[in-house]
PDB file of N, CA and C in Angstrom:
ATOM      1  N   MET A   1     -29.593  45.906  75.146  1.00  0.00           N
ATOM      2  CA  MET A   1     -29.653  45.081  73.965  1.00  0.00           C
ATOM      3  C   MET A   1     -30.955  44.286  73.924  1.00  0.00           C
ATOM      4  N   ARG A   2     -31.456  43.888  75.103  1.00  0.00           N
ATOM      5  CA  ARG A   2     -32.700  43.115  75.147  1.00  0.00           C
ATOM      6  C   ARG A   2     -33.885  43.939  74.665  1.00  0.00           C
ATOM      7  N   ILE A   3     -33.896  45.233  75.011  1.00  0.00           N
ATOM      8  CA  ILE A   3     -34.978  46.111  74.575  1.00  0.00           C
ATOM      9  C   ILE A   3     -34.987  46.195  73.050  1.00  0.00           C
ATOM     10  N   LYS A   4     -33.804  46.266  72.458  1.00  0.00           N
ATOM     11  CA  LYS A   4     -33.707  46.331  70.999  1.00  0.00           C
ATOM     12  C   LYS A   4     -34.270  45.063  70.358  1.00  0.00           C
ATOM     13  N   ALA A   5     -33.996  43.910  70.942  1.00  0.00           N
ATOM     14  CA  ALA A   5     -34.510  42.642  70.405  1.00  0.00           C
ATOM     15  C   ALA A   5     -36.029  42.574  70.527  1.00  0.00           C
ATOM     16  N   VAL A   6     -36.567  43.025  71.647  1.00  0.00           N
ATOM     17  CA  VAL A   6     -38.020  43.028  71.840  1.00  0.00           C
ATOM     18  C   VAL A   6     -38.663  44.004  70.870  1.00  0.00           C
ATOM     19  N   PHE A   7     -38.070  45.184  70.724  1.00  0.00           N
ATOM     20  CA  PHE A   7     -38.600  46.180  69.807  1.00  0.00           C
ATOM     21  C   PHE A   7     -38.598  45.658  68.371  1.00  0.00           C
ATOM     22  N   THR A   8     -37.539  44.996  67.976  1.00  0.00           N
ATOM     23  CA  THR A   8     -37.458  44.423  66.630  1.00  0.00           C
ATOM     24  C   THR A   8     -38.526  43.362  66.427  1.00  0.00           C
ATOM     25  N   ALA A   9     -38.773  42.531  67.430  1.00  0.00           N
ATOM     26  CA  ALA A   9     -39.802  41.497  67.321  1.00  0.00           C
ATOM     27  C   ALA A   9     -41.189  42.124  67.191  1.00  0.00           C
ATOM     28  N   VAL A  10     -41.457  43.170  67.950  1.00  0.00           N
ATOM     29  CA  VAL A  10     -42.749  43.854  67.865  1.00  0.00           C
ATOM     30  C   VAL A  10     -42.905  44.508  66.498  1.00  0.00           C
ATOM     31  N   LEU A  11     -41.846  45.110  66.009  1.00  0.00           N
ATOM     32  CA  LEU A  11     -41.889  45.757  64.702  1.00  0.00           C
ATOM     33  C   LEU A  11     -42.154  44.744  63.589  1.00  0.00           C
ATOM     34  N   LEU A  12     -41.494  43.628  63.638  1.00  0.00           N
ATOM     35  CA  LEU A  12     -41.707  42.595  62.616  1.00  0.00           C
ATOM     36  C   LEU A  12     -43.115  42.022  62.694  1.00  0.00           C
ATOM     37  N   ALA A  13     -43.635  41.877  63.892  1.00  0.00           N
ATOM     38  CA  ALA A  13     -45.000  41.365  64.052  1.00  0.00           C
ATOM     39  C   ALA A  13     -46.010  42.350  63.502  1.00  0.00           C
ATOM     40  N   SER A  14     -45.808  43.647  63.754  1.00  0.00           N
ATOM     41  CA  SER A  14     -46.743  44.642  63.232  1.00  0.00           C
ATOM     42  C   SER A  14     -46.644  44.738  61.717  1.00  0.00           C
ATOM     43  N   ALA A  15     -45.462  44.565  61.175  1.00  0.00           N
ATOM     44  CA  ALA A  15     -45.305  44.592  59.715  1.00  0.00           C
ATOM     45  C   ALA A  15     -45.987  43.392  59.076  1.00  0.00           C
ATOM     46  N   ALA A  16     -45.941  42.251  59.734  1.00  0.00           N
ATOM     47  CA  ALA A  16     -46.575  41.046  59.191  1.00  0.00           C
ATOM     48  C   ALA A  16     -48.088  41.164  59.205  1.00  0.00           C
ATOM     49  N   THR A  17     -48.643  41.802  60.233  1.00  0.00           N
ATOM     50  CA  THR A  17     -50.096  41.938  60.303  1.00  0.00           C
ATOM     51  C   THR A  17     -50.598  43.066  59.415  1.00  0.00           C
ATOM     52  N   ALA A  18     -49.744  43.999  59.048  1.00  0.00           N
ATOM     53  CA  ALA A  18     -50.175  45.118  58.215  1.00  0.00           C
ATOM     54  C   ALA A  18     -50.472  44.676  56.792  1.00  0.00           C
ATOM     55  N   GLY A  19     -49.929  43.581  56.381  1.00  0.00           N
ATOM     56  CA  GLY A  19     -50.140  43.103  55.011  1.00  0.00           C
ATOM     57  C   GLY A  19     -48.886  42.411  54.545  1.00  0.00           C
ATOM     58  N   ALA A  20     -48.996  41.169  54.248  1.00  0.00           N
ATOM     59  CA  ALA A  20     -47.815  40.388  53.914  1.00  0.00           C
ATOM     60  C   ALA A  20     -47.246  40.756  52.552  1.00  0.00           C
ATOM     61  N   SER A  21     -48.063  41.305  51.659  1.00  0.00           N
ATOM     62  CA  SER A  21     -47.587  41.561  50.307  1.00  0.00           C
ATOM     63  C   SER A  21     -46.623  42.745  50.257  1.00  0.00           C
ATOM     64  N   GLU A  22     -47.002  43.872  50.809  1.00  0.00           N
ATOM     65  CA  GLU A  22     -46.137  45.042  50.760  1.00  0.00           C
ATOM     66  C   GLU A  22     -46.458  45.986  51.912  1.00  0.00           C
ATOM     67  N   VAL A  23     -45.439  46.385  52.636  1.00  0.00           N
ATOM     68  CA  VAL A  23     -45.595  47.328  53.740  1.00  0.00           C
ATOM     69  C   VAL A  23     -44.894  48.610  53.330  1.00  0.00           C
ATOM     70  N   THR A  24     -45.586  49.734  53.451  1.00  0.00           N
ATOM     71  CA  THR A  24     -44.981  51.020  53.123  1.00  0.00           C
ATOM     72  C   THR A  24     -44.242  51.541  54.344  1.00  0.00           C
ATOM     73  N   VAL A  25     -42.954  51.760  54.164  1.00  0.00           N
ATOM     74  CA  VAL A  25     -42.110  52.300  55.226  1.00  0.00           C
ATOM     75  C   VAL A  25     -41.795  53.738  54.844  1.00  0.00           C
ATOM     76  N   TYR A  26     -42.318  54.680  55.627  1.00  0.00           N
ATOM     77  CA  TYR A  26     -42.160  56.098  55.330  1.00  0.00           C
ATOM     78  C   TYR A  26     -40.924  56.649  56.031  1.00  0.00           C
ATOM     79  N   PRO A  27     -40.180  57.558  55.377  1.00  0.00           N
ATOM     80  CA  PRO A  27     -39.077  58.229  56.070  1.00  0.00           C
ATOM     81  C   PRO A  27     -39.634  59.242  57.066  1.00  0.00           C
ATOM     82  N   VAL A  28     -38.871  59.540  58.091  1.00  0.00           N
ATOM     83  CA  VAL A  28     -39.259  60.534  59.087  1.00  0.00           C
ATOM     84  C   VAL A  28     -38.465  61.806  58.817  1.00  0.00           C
ATOM     85  N   ALA A  29     -39.162  62.927  58.670  1.00  0.00           N
ATOM     86  CA  ALA A  29     -38.489  64.203  58.442  1.00  0.00           C
ATOM     87  C   ALA A  29     -37.871  64.659  59.756  1.00  0.00           C
ATOM     88  N   SER A  30     -36.562  64.578  59.849  1.00  0.00           N
ATOM     89  CA  SER A  30     -35.881  64.936  61.081  1.00  0.00           C
ATOM     90  C   SER A  30     -34.494  65.466  60.763  1.00  0.00           C
ATOM     91  N   ALA A  31     -34.081  66.477  61.495  1.00  0.00           N
ATOM     92  CA  ALA A  31     -32.740  67.026  61.314  1.00  0.00           C
ATOM     93  C   ALA A  31     -31.695  66.151  62.007  1.00  0.00           C
ATOM     94  N   GLN A  32     -32.126  65.377  63.000  1.00  0.00           N
ATOM     95  CA  GLN A  32     -31.206  64.528  63.753  1.00  0.00           C
ATOM     96  C   GLN A  32     -31.339  63.087  63.286  1.00  0.00           C
ATOM     97  N   ASN A  33     -30.200  62.407  63.204  1.00  0.00           N
ATOM     98  CA  ASN A  33     -30.196  61.006  62.823  1.00  0.00           C
ATOM     99  C   ASN A  33     -29.307  60.249  63.805  1.00  0.00           C
ATOM    100  N   HIS A  34     -29.936  59.494  64.710  1.00  0.00           N
ATOM    101  CA  HIS A  34     -29.195  58.727  65.707  1.00  0.00           C
ATOM    102  C   HIS A  34     -29.132  57.252  65.321  1.00  0.00           C
ATOM    103  N   CYS A  35     -29.435  56.957  64.068  1.00  0.00           N
ATOM    104  CA  CYS A  35     -29.436  55.573  63.593  1.00  0.00           C
ATOM    105  C   CYS A  35     -28.031  55.152  63.177  1.00  0.00           C
ATOM    106  N   PRO A  36     -27.771  53.842  63.160  1.00  0.00           N
ATOM    107  CA  PRO A  36     -26.474  53.353  62.693  1.00  0.00           C
ATOM    108  C   PRO A  36     -26.252  53.725  61.227  1.00  0.00           C
ATOM    109  N   LYS A  37     -25.001  53.679  60.811  1.00  0.00           N
ATOM    110  CA  LYS A  37     -24.632  54.033  59.437  1.00  0.00           C
ATOM    111  C   LYS A  37     -25.416  53.188  58.437  1.00  0.00           C
ATOM    112  N   GLY A  38     -25.957  53.841  57.424  1.00  0.00           N
ATOM    113  CA  GLY A  38     -26.717  53.146  56.392  1.00  0.00           C
ATOM    114  C   GLY A  38     -28.213  53.091  56.655  1.00  0.00           C
ATOM    115  N   LEU A  39     -28.641  53.473  57.853  1.00  0.00           N
ATOM    116  CA  LEU A  39     -30.063  53.478  58.192  1.00  0.00           C
ATOM    117  C   LEU A  39     -30.502  54.904  58.488  1.00  0.00           C
ATOM    118  N   GLN A  40     -31.798  55.132  58.444  1.00  0.00           N
ATOM    119  CA  GLN A  40     -32.330  56.450  58.773  1.00  0.00           C
ATOM    120  C   GLN A  40     -33.652  56.277  59.511  1.00  0.00           C
ATOM    121  N   PRO A  41     -34.102  57.327  60.212  1.00  0.00           N
ATOM    122  CA  PRO A  41     -35.381  57.213  60.906  1.00  0.00           C
ATOM    123  C   PRO A  41     -36.509  56.938  59.914  1.00  0.00           C
ATOM    124  N   ALA A  42     -37.326  55.938  60.229  1.00  0.00           N
ATOM    125  CA  ALA A  42     -38.451  55.557  59.378  1.00  0.00           C
ATOM    126  C   ALA A  42     -39.632  55.214  60.275  1.00  0.00           C
ATOM    127  N   THR A  43     -40.813  55.059  59.691  1.00  0.00           N
ATOM    128  CA  THR A  43     -41.995  54.760  60.489  1.00  0.00           C
ATOM    129  C   THR A  43     -42.907  53.773  59.772  1.00  0.00           C
ATOM    130  N   ILE A  44     -43.512  52.885  60.564  1.00  0.00           N
ATOM    131  CA  ILE A  44     -44.566  51.974  60.122  1.00  0.00           C
ATOM    132  C   ILE A  44     -45.663  52.063  61.176  1.00  0.00           C
ATOM    133  N   ASN A  45     -46.870  52.392  60.752  1.00  0.00           N
ATOM    134  CA  ASN A  45     -48.016  52.469  61.669  1.00  0.00           C
ATOM    135  C   ASN A  45     -47.737  53.360  62.882  1.00  0.00           C
ATOM    136  N   GLY A  46     -46.998  54.432  62.687  1.00  0.00           N
ATOM    137  CA  GLY A  46     -46.732  55.374  63.759  1.00  0.00           C
ATOM    138  C   GLY A  46     -45.555  55.024  64.649  1.00  0.00           C
ATOM    139  N   VAL A  47     -44.930  53.872  64.425  1.00  0.00           N
ATOM    140  CA  VAL A  47     -43.770  53.457  65.221  1.00  0.00           C
ATOM    141  C   VAL A  47     -42.514  53.908  64.494  1.00  0.00           C
ATOM    142  N   ILE A  48     -41.692  54.722  65.158  1.00  0.00           N
ATOM    143  CA  ILE A  48     -40.454  55.221  64.564  1.00  0.00           C
ATOM    144  C   ILE A  48     -39.322  54.273  64.908  1.00  0.00           C
ATOM    145  N   PHE A  49     -38.516  53.928  63.899  1.00  0.00           N
ATOM    146  CA  PHE A  49     -37.397  53.014  64.092  1.00  0.00           C
ATOM    147  C   PHE A  49     -36.305  53.360  63.093  1.00  0.00           C
ATOM    148  N   CYS A  50     -35.169  52.713  63.190  1.00  0.00           N
ATOM    149  CA  CYS A  50     -34.087  52.880  62.228  1.00  0.00           C
ATOM    150  C   CYS A  50     -34.255  51.826  61.145  1.00  0.00           C
ATOM    151  N   GLY A  51     -34.297  52.263  59.901  1.00  0.00           N
ATOM    152  CA  GLY A  51     -34.488  51.322  58.811  1.00  0.00           C
ATOM    153  C   GLY A  51     -34.276  51.975  57.466  1.00  0.00           C
ATOM    154  N   THR A  52     -34.786  51.314  56.432  1.00  0.00           N
ATOM    155  CA  THR A  52     -34.682  51.810  55.067  1.00  0.00           C
ATOM    156  C   THR A  52     -36.089  52.053  54.538  1.00  0.00           C
ATOM    157  N   PRO A  53     -36.462  53.297  54.272  1.00  0.00           N
ATOM    158  CA  PRO A  53     -37.799  53.588  53.759  1.00  0.00           C
ATOM    159  C   PRO A  53     -38.026  52.980  52.376  1.00  0.00           C
ATOM    160  N   THR A  54     -39.272  52.637  52.085  1.00  0.00           N
ATOM    161  CA  THR A  54     -39.620  52.103  50.772  1.00  0.00           C
ATOM    162  C   THR A  54     -40.195  53.187  49.867  1.00  0.00           C
ATOM    163  N   THR A  55     -40.344  54.406  50.373  1.00  0.00           N
ATOM    164  CA  THR A  55     -40.844  55.535  49.598  1.00  0.00           C
ATOM    165  C   THR A  55     -40.078  56.786  50.016  1.00  0.00           C
ATOM    166  N   SER A  56     -40.075  57.785  49.147  1.00  0.00           N
ATOM    167  CA  SER A  56     -39.355  59.021  49.485  1.00  0.00           C
ATOM    168  C   SER A  56     -40.274  60.068  50.098  1.00  0.00           C
ATOM    169  N   VAL A  57     -41.579  59.801  50.125  1.00  0.00           N
ATOM    170  CA  VAL A  57     -42.555  60.752  50.649  1.00  0.00           C
ATOM    171  C   VAL A  57     -42.827  60.433  52.120  1.00  0.00           C
ATOM    172  N   THR A  58     -42.835  61.463  52.976  1.00  0.00           N
ATOM    173  CA  THR A  58     -43.110  61.228  54.389  1.00  0.00           C
ATOM    174  C   THR A  58     -44.609  61.009  54.594  1.00  0.00           C
ATOM    175  N   TYR A  59     -44.962  60.404  55.704  1.00  0.00           N
ATOM    176  CA  TYR A  59     -46.365  60.133  56.013  1.00  0.00           C
ATOM    177  C   TYR A  59     -47.144  61.441  56.151  1.00  0.00           C
ATOM    178  N   GLN A  60     -46.515  62.466  56.716  1.00  0.00           N
ATOM    179  CA  GLN A  60     -47.167  63.759  56.880  1.00  0.00           C
ATOM    180  C   GLN A  60     -47.494  64.370  55.514  1.00  0.00           C
ATOM    181  N   GLU A  61     -46.592  64.203  54.530  1.00  0.00           N
ATOM    182  CA  GLU A  61     -46.847  64.729  53.189  1.00  0.00           C
ATOM    183  C   GLU A  61     -47.999  63.989  52.515  1.00  0.00           C
ATOM    184  N   VAL A  62     -48.090  62.694  52.745  1.00  0.00           N
ATOM    185  CA  VAL A  62     -49.177  61.912  52.164  1.00  0.00           C
ATOM    186  C   VAL A  62     -50.513  62.375  52.729  1.00  0.00           C
ATOM    187  N   LYS A  63     -50.586  62.572  54.018  1.00  0.00           N
ATOM    188  CA  LYS A  63     -51.832  62.979  54.653  1.00  0.00           C
ATOM    189  C   LYS A  63     -52.185  64.439  54.363  1.00  0.00           C
ATOM    190  N   ALA A  64     -51.217  65.278  54.025  1.00  0.00           N
ATOM    191  CA  ALA A  64     -51.478  66.685  53.752  1.00  0.00           C
ATOM    192  C   ALA A  64     -52.070  66.901  52.365  1.00  0.00           C
ATOM    193  N   HIS A  65     -51.871  65.965  51.456  1.00  0.00           N
ATOM    194  CA  HIS A  65     -52.382  66.112  50.094  1.00  0.00           C
ATOM    195  C   HIS A  65     -53.896  66.046  50.104  1.00  0.00           C
ATOM    196  N   PRO A  66     -54.567  67.002  49.469  1.00  0.00           N
ATOM    197  CA  PRO A  66     -56.033  66.977  49.484  1.00  0.00           C
ATOM    198  C   PRO A  66     -56.588  65.798  48.678  1.00  0.00           C
ATOM    199  N   VAL A  67     -57.607  65.190  49.212  1.00  0.00           N
ATOM    200  CA  VAL A  67     -58.254  64.061  48.554  1.00  0.00           C
ATOM    201  C   VAL A  67     -59.311  64.609  47.611  1.00  0.00           C
ATOM    202  N   PRO A  68     -59.320  64.184  46.335  1.00  0.00           N
ATOM    203  CA  PRO A  68     -60.356  64.685  45.424  1.00  0.00           C
ATOM    204  C   PRO A  68     -61.729  64.195  45.860  1.00  0.00           C
ATOM    205  N   ARG A  69     -62.671  65.103  45.859  1.00  0.00           N
ATOM    206  CA  ARG A  69     -64.041  64.782  46.265  1.00  0.00           C
ATOM    207  C   ARG A  69     -64.921  64.722  45.027  1.00  0.00           C
ATOM    208  N   GLY A  70     -66.000  63.968  45.125  1.00  0.00           N
ATOM    209  CA  GLY A  70     -66.959  63.889  44.036  1.00  0.00           C
ATOM    210  C   GLY A  70     -67.701  65.208  43.880  1.00  0.00           C
ATOM    211  N   HIS A  71     -68.317  65.385  42.740  1.00  0.00           N
ATOM    212  CA  HIS A  71     -69.084  66.606  42.490  1.00  0.00           C
ATOM    213  C   HIS A  71     -70.353  66.596  43.329  1.00  0.00           C
ATOM    214  N   ALA A  72     -70.755  67.765  43.741  1.00  0.00           N
ATOM    215  CA  ALA A  72     -71.986  67.896  44.513  1.00  0.00           C
ATOM    216  C   ALA A  72     -73.171  67.596  43.595  1.00  0.00           C
ATOM    217  N   ALA A  73     -74.121  66.863  44.102  1.00  0.00           N
ATOM    218  CA  ALA A  73     -75.298  66.511  43.311  1.00  0.00           C
ATOM    219  C   ALA A  73     -76.176  67.744  43.114  1.00  0.00           C
ATOM    220  N   ASP A  74     -76.695  67.881  41.899  1.00  0.00           N
ATOM    221  CA  ASP A  74     -77.595  68.980  41.588  1.00  0.00           C
ATOM    222  C   ASP A  74     -79.006  68.398  41.489  1.00  0.00           C
ATOM    223  N   CYS A  75     -79.666  68.300  42.636  1.00  0.00           N
ATOM    224  CA  CYS A  75     -80.978  67.662  42.705  1.00  0.00           C
ATOM    225  C   CYS A  75     -82.047  68.689  43.062  1.00  0.00           C
ATOM    226  N   PRO A  76     -83.173  68.591  42.389  1.00  0.00           N
ATOM    227  CA  PRO A  76     -84.286  69.439  42.796  1.00  0.00           C
ATOM    228  C   PRO A  76     -84.797  69.027  44.171  1.00  0.00           C
ATOM    229  N   GLU A  77     -85.278  69.974  44.935  1.00  0.00           N
ATOM    230  CA  GLU A  77     -85.761  69.701  46.273  1.00  0.00           C
ATOM    231  C   GLU A  77     -86.911  68.699  46.225  1.00  0.00           C
ATOM    232  N   GLY A  78     -86.833  67.676  47.088  1.00  0.00           N
ATOM    233  CA  GLY A  78     -87.881  66.672  47.195  1.00  0.00           C
ATOM    234  C   GLY A  78     -87.697  65.476  46.278  1.00  0.00           C
ATOM    235  N   GLN A  79     -86.728  65.482  45.365  1.00  0.00           N
ATOM    236  CA  GLN A  79     -86.523  64.350  44.459  1.00  0.00           C
ATOM    237  C   GLN A  79     -85.587  63.349  45.117  1.00  0.00           C
ATOM    238  N   LYS A  80     -85.955  62.080  45.087  1.00  0.00           N
ATOM    239  CA  LYS A  80     -85.128  61.033  45.705  1.00  0.00           C
ATOM    240  C   LYS A  80     -84.280  60.347  44.645  1.00  0.00           C
ATOM    241  N   GLY A  81     -83.154  59.818  45.072  1.00  0.00           N
ATOM    242  CA  GLY A  81     -82.298  59.037  44.189  1.00  0.00           C
ATOM    243  C   GLY A  81     -81.566  59.852  43.149  1.00  0.00           C
ATOM    244  N   CYS A  82     -81.366  61.114  43.377  1.00  0.00           N
ATOM    245  CA  CYS A  82     -80.659  61.971  42.422  1.00  0.00           C
ATOM    246  C   CYS A  82     -79.167  61.677  42.484  1.00  0.00           C
ATOM    247  N   ARG A  83     -78.506  61.661  41.355  1.00  0.00           N
ATOM    248  CA  ARG A  83     -77.060  61.386  41.309  1.00  0.00           C
ATOM    249  C   ARG A  83     -76.310  62.574  40.806  1.00  0.00           C
TER     250      ARG A  83
END
């Protein structure tokens, strides 16, 4: 029980330092659920715990989505400051 209390304190401290306004709690994609009734595996900053996610998208899905990149600059060779 003491480990659970220490873990909860560490989790709350990391959530407070992550940003007081809003912390995104991602669900963990897992076939097994060893959490108490009403809770599910979730993660904040890579720490997995039992809780209630604030989004339905997993962290892995967020990172897998391609980030749009800017267009490649079409600059003549030797020209500076081309956009």
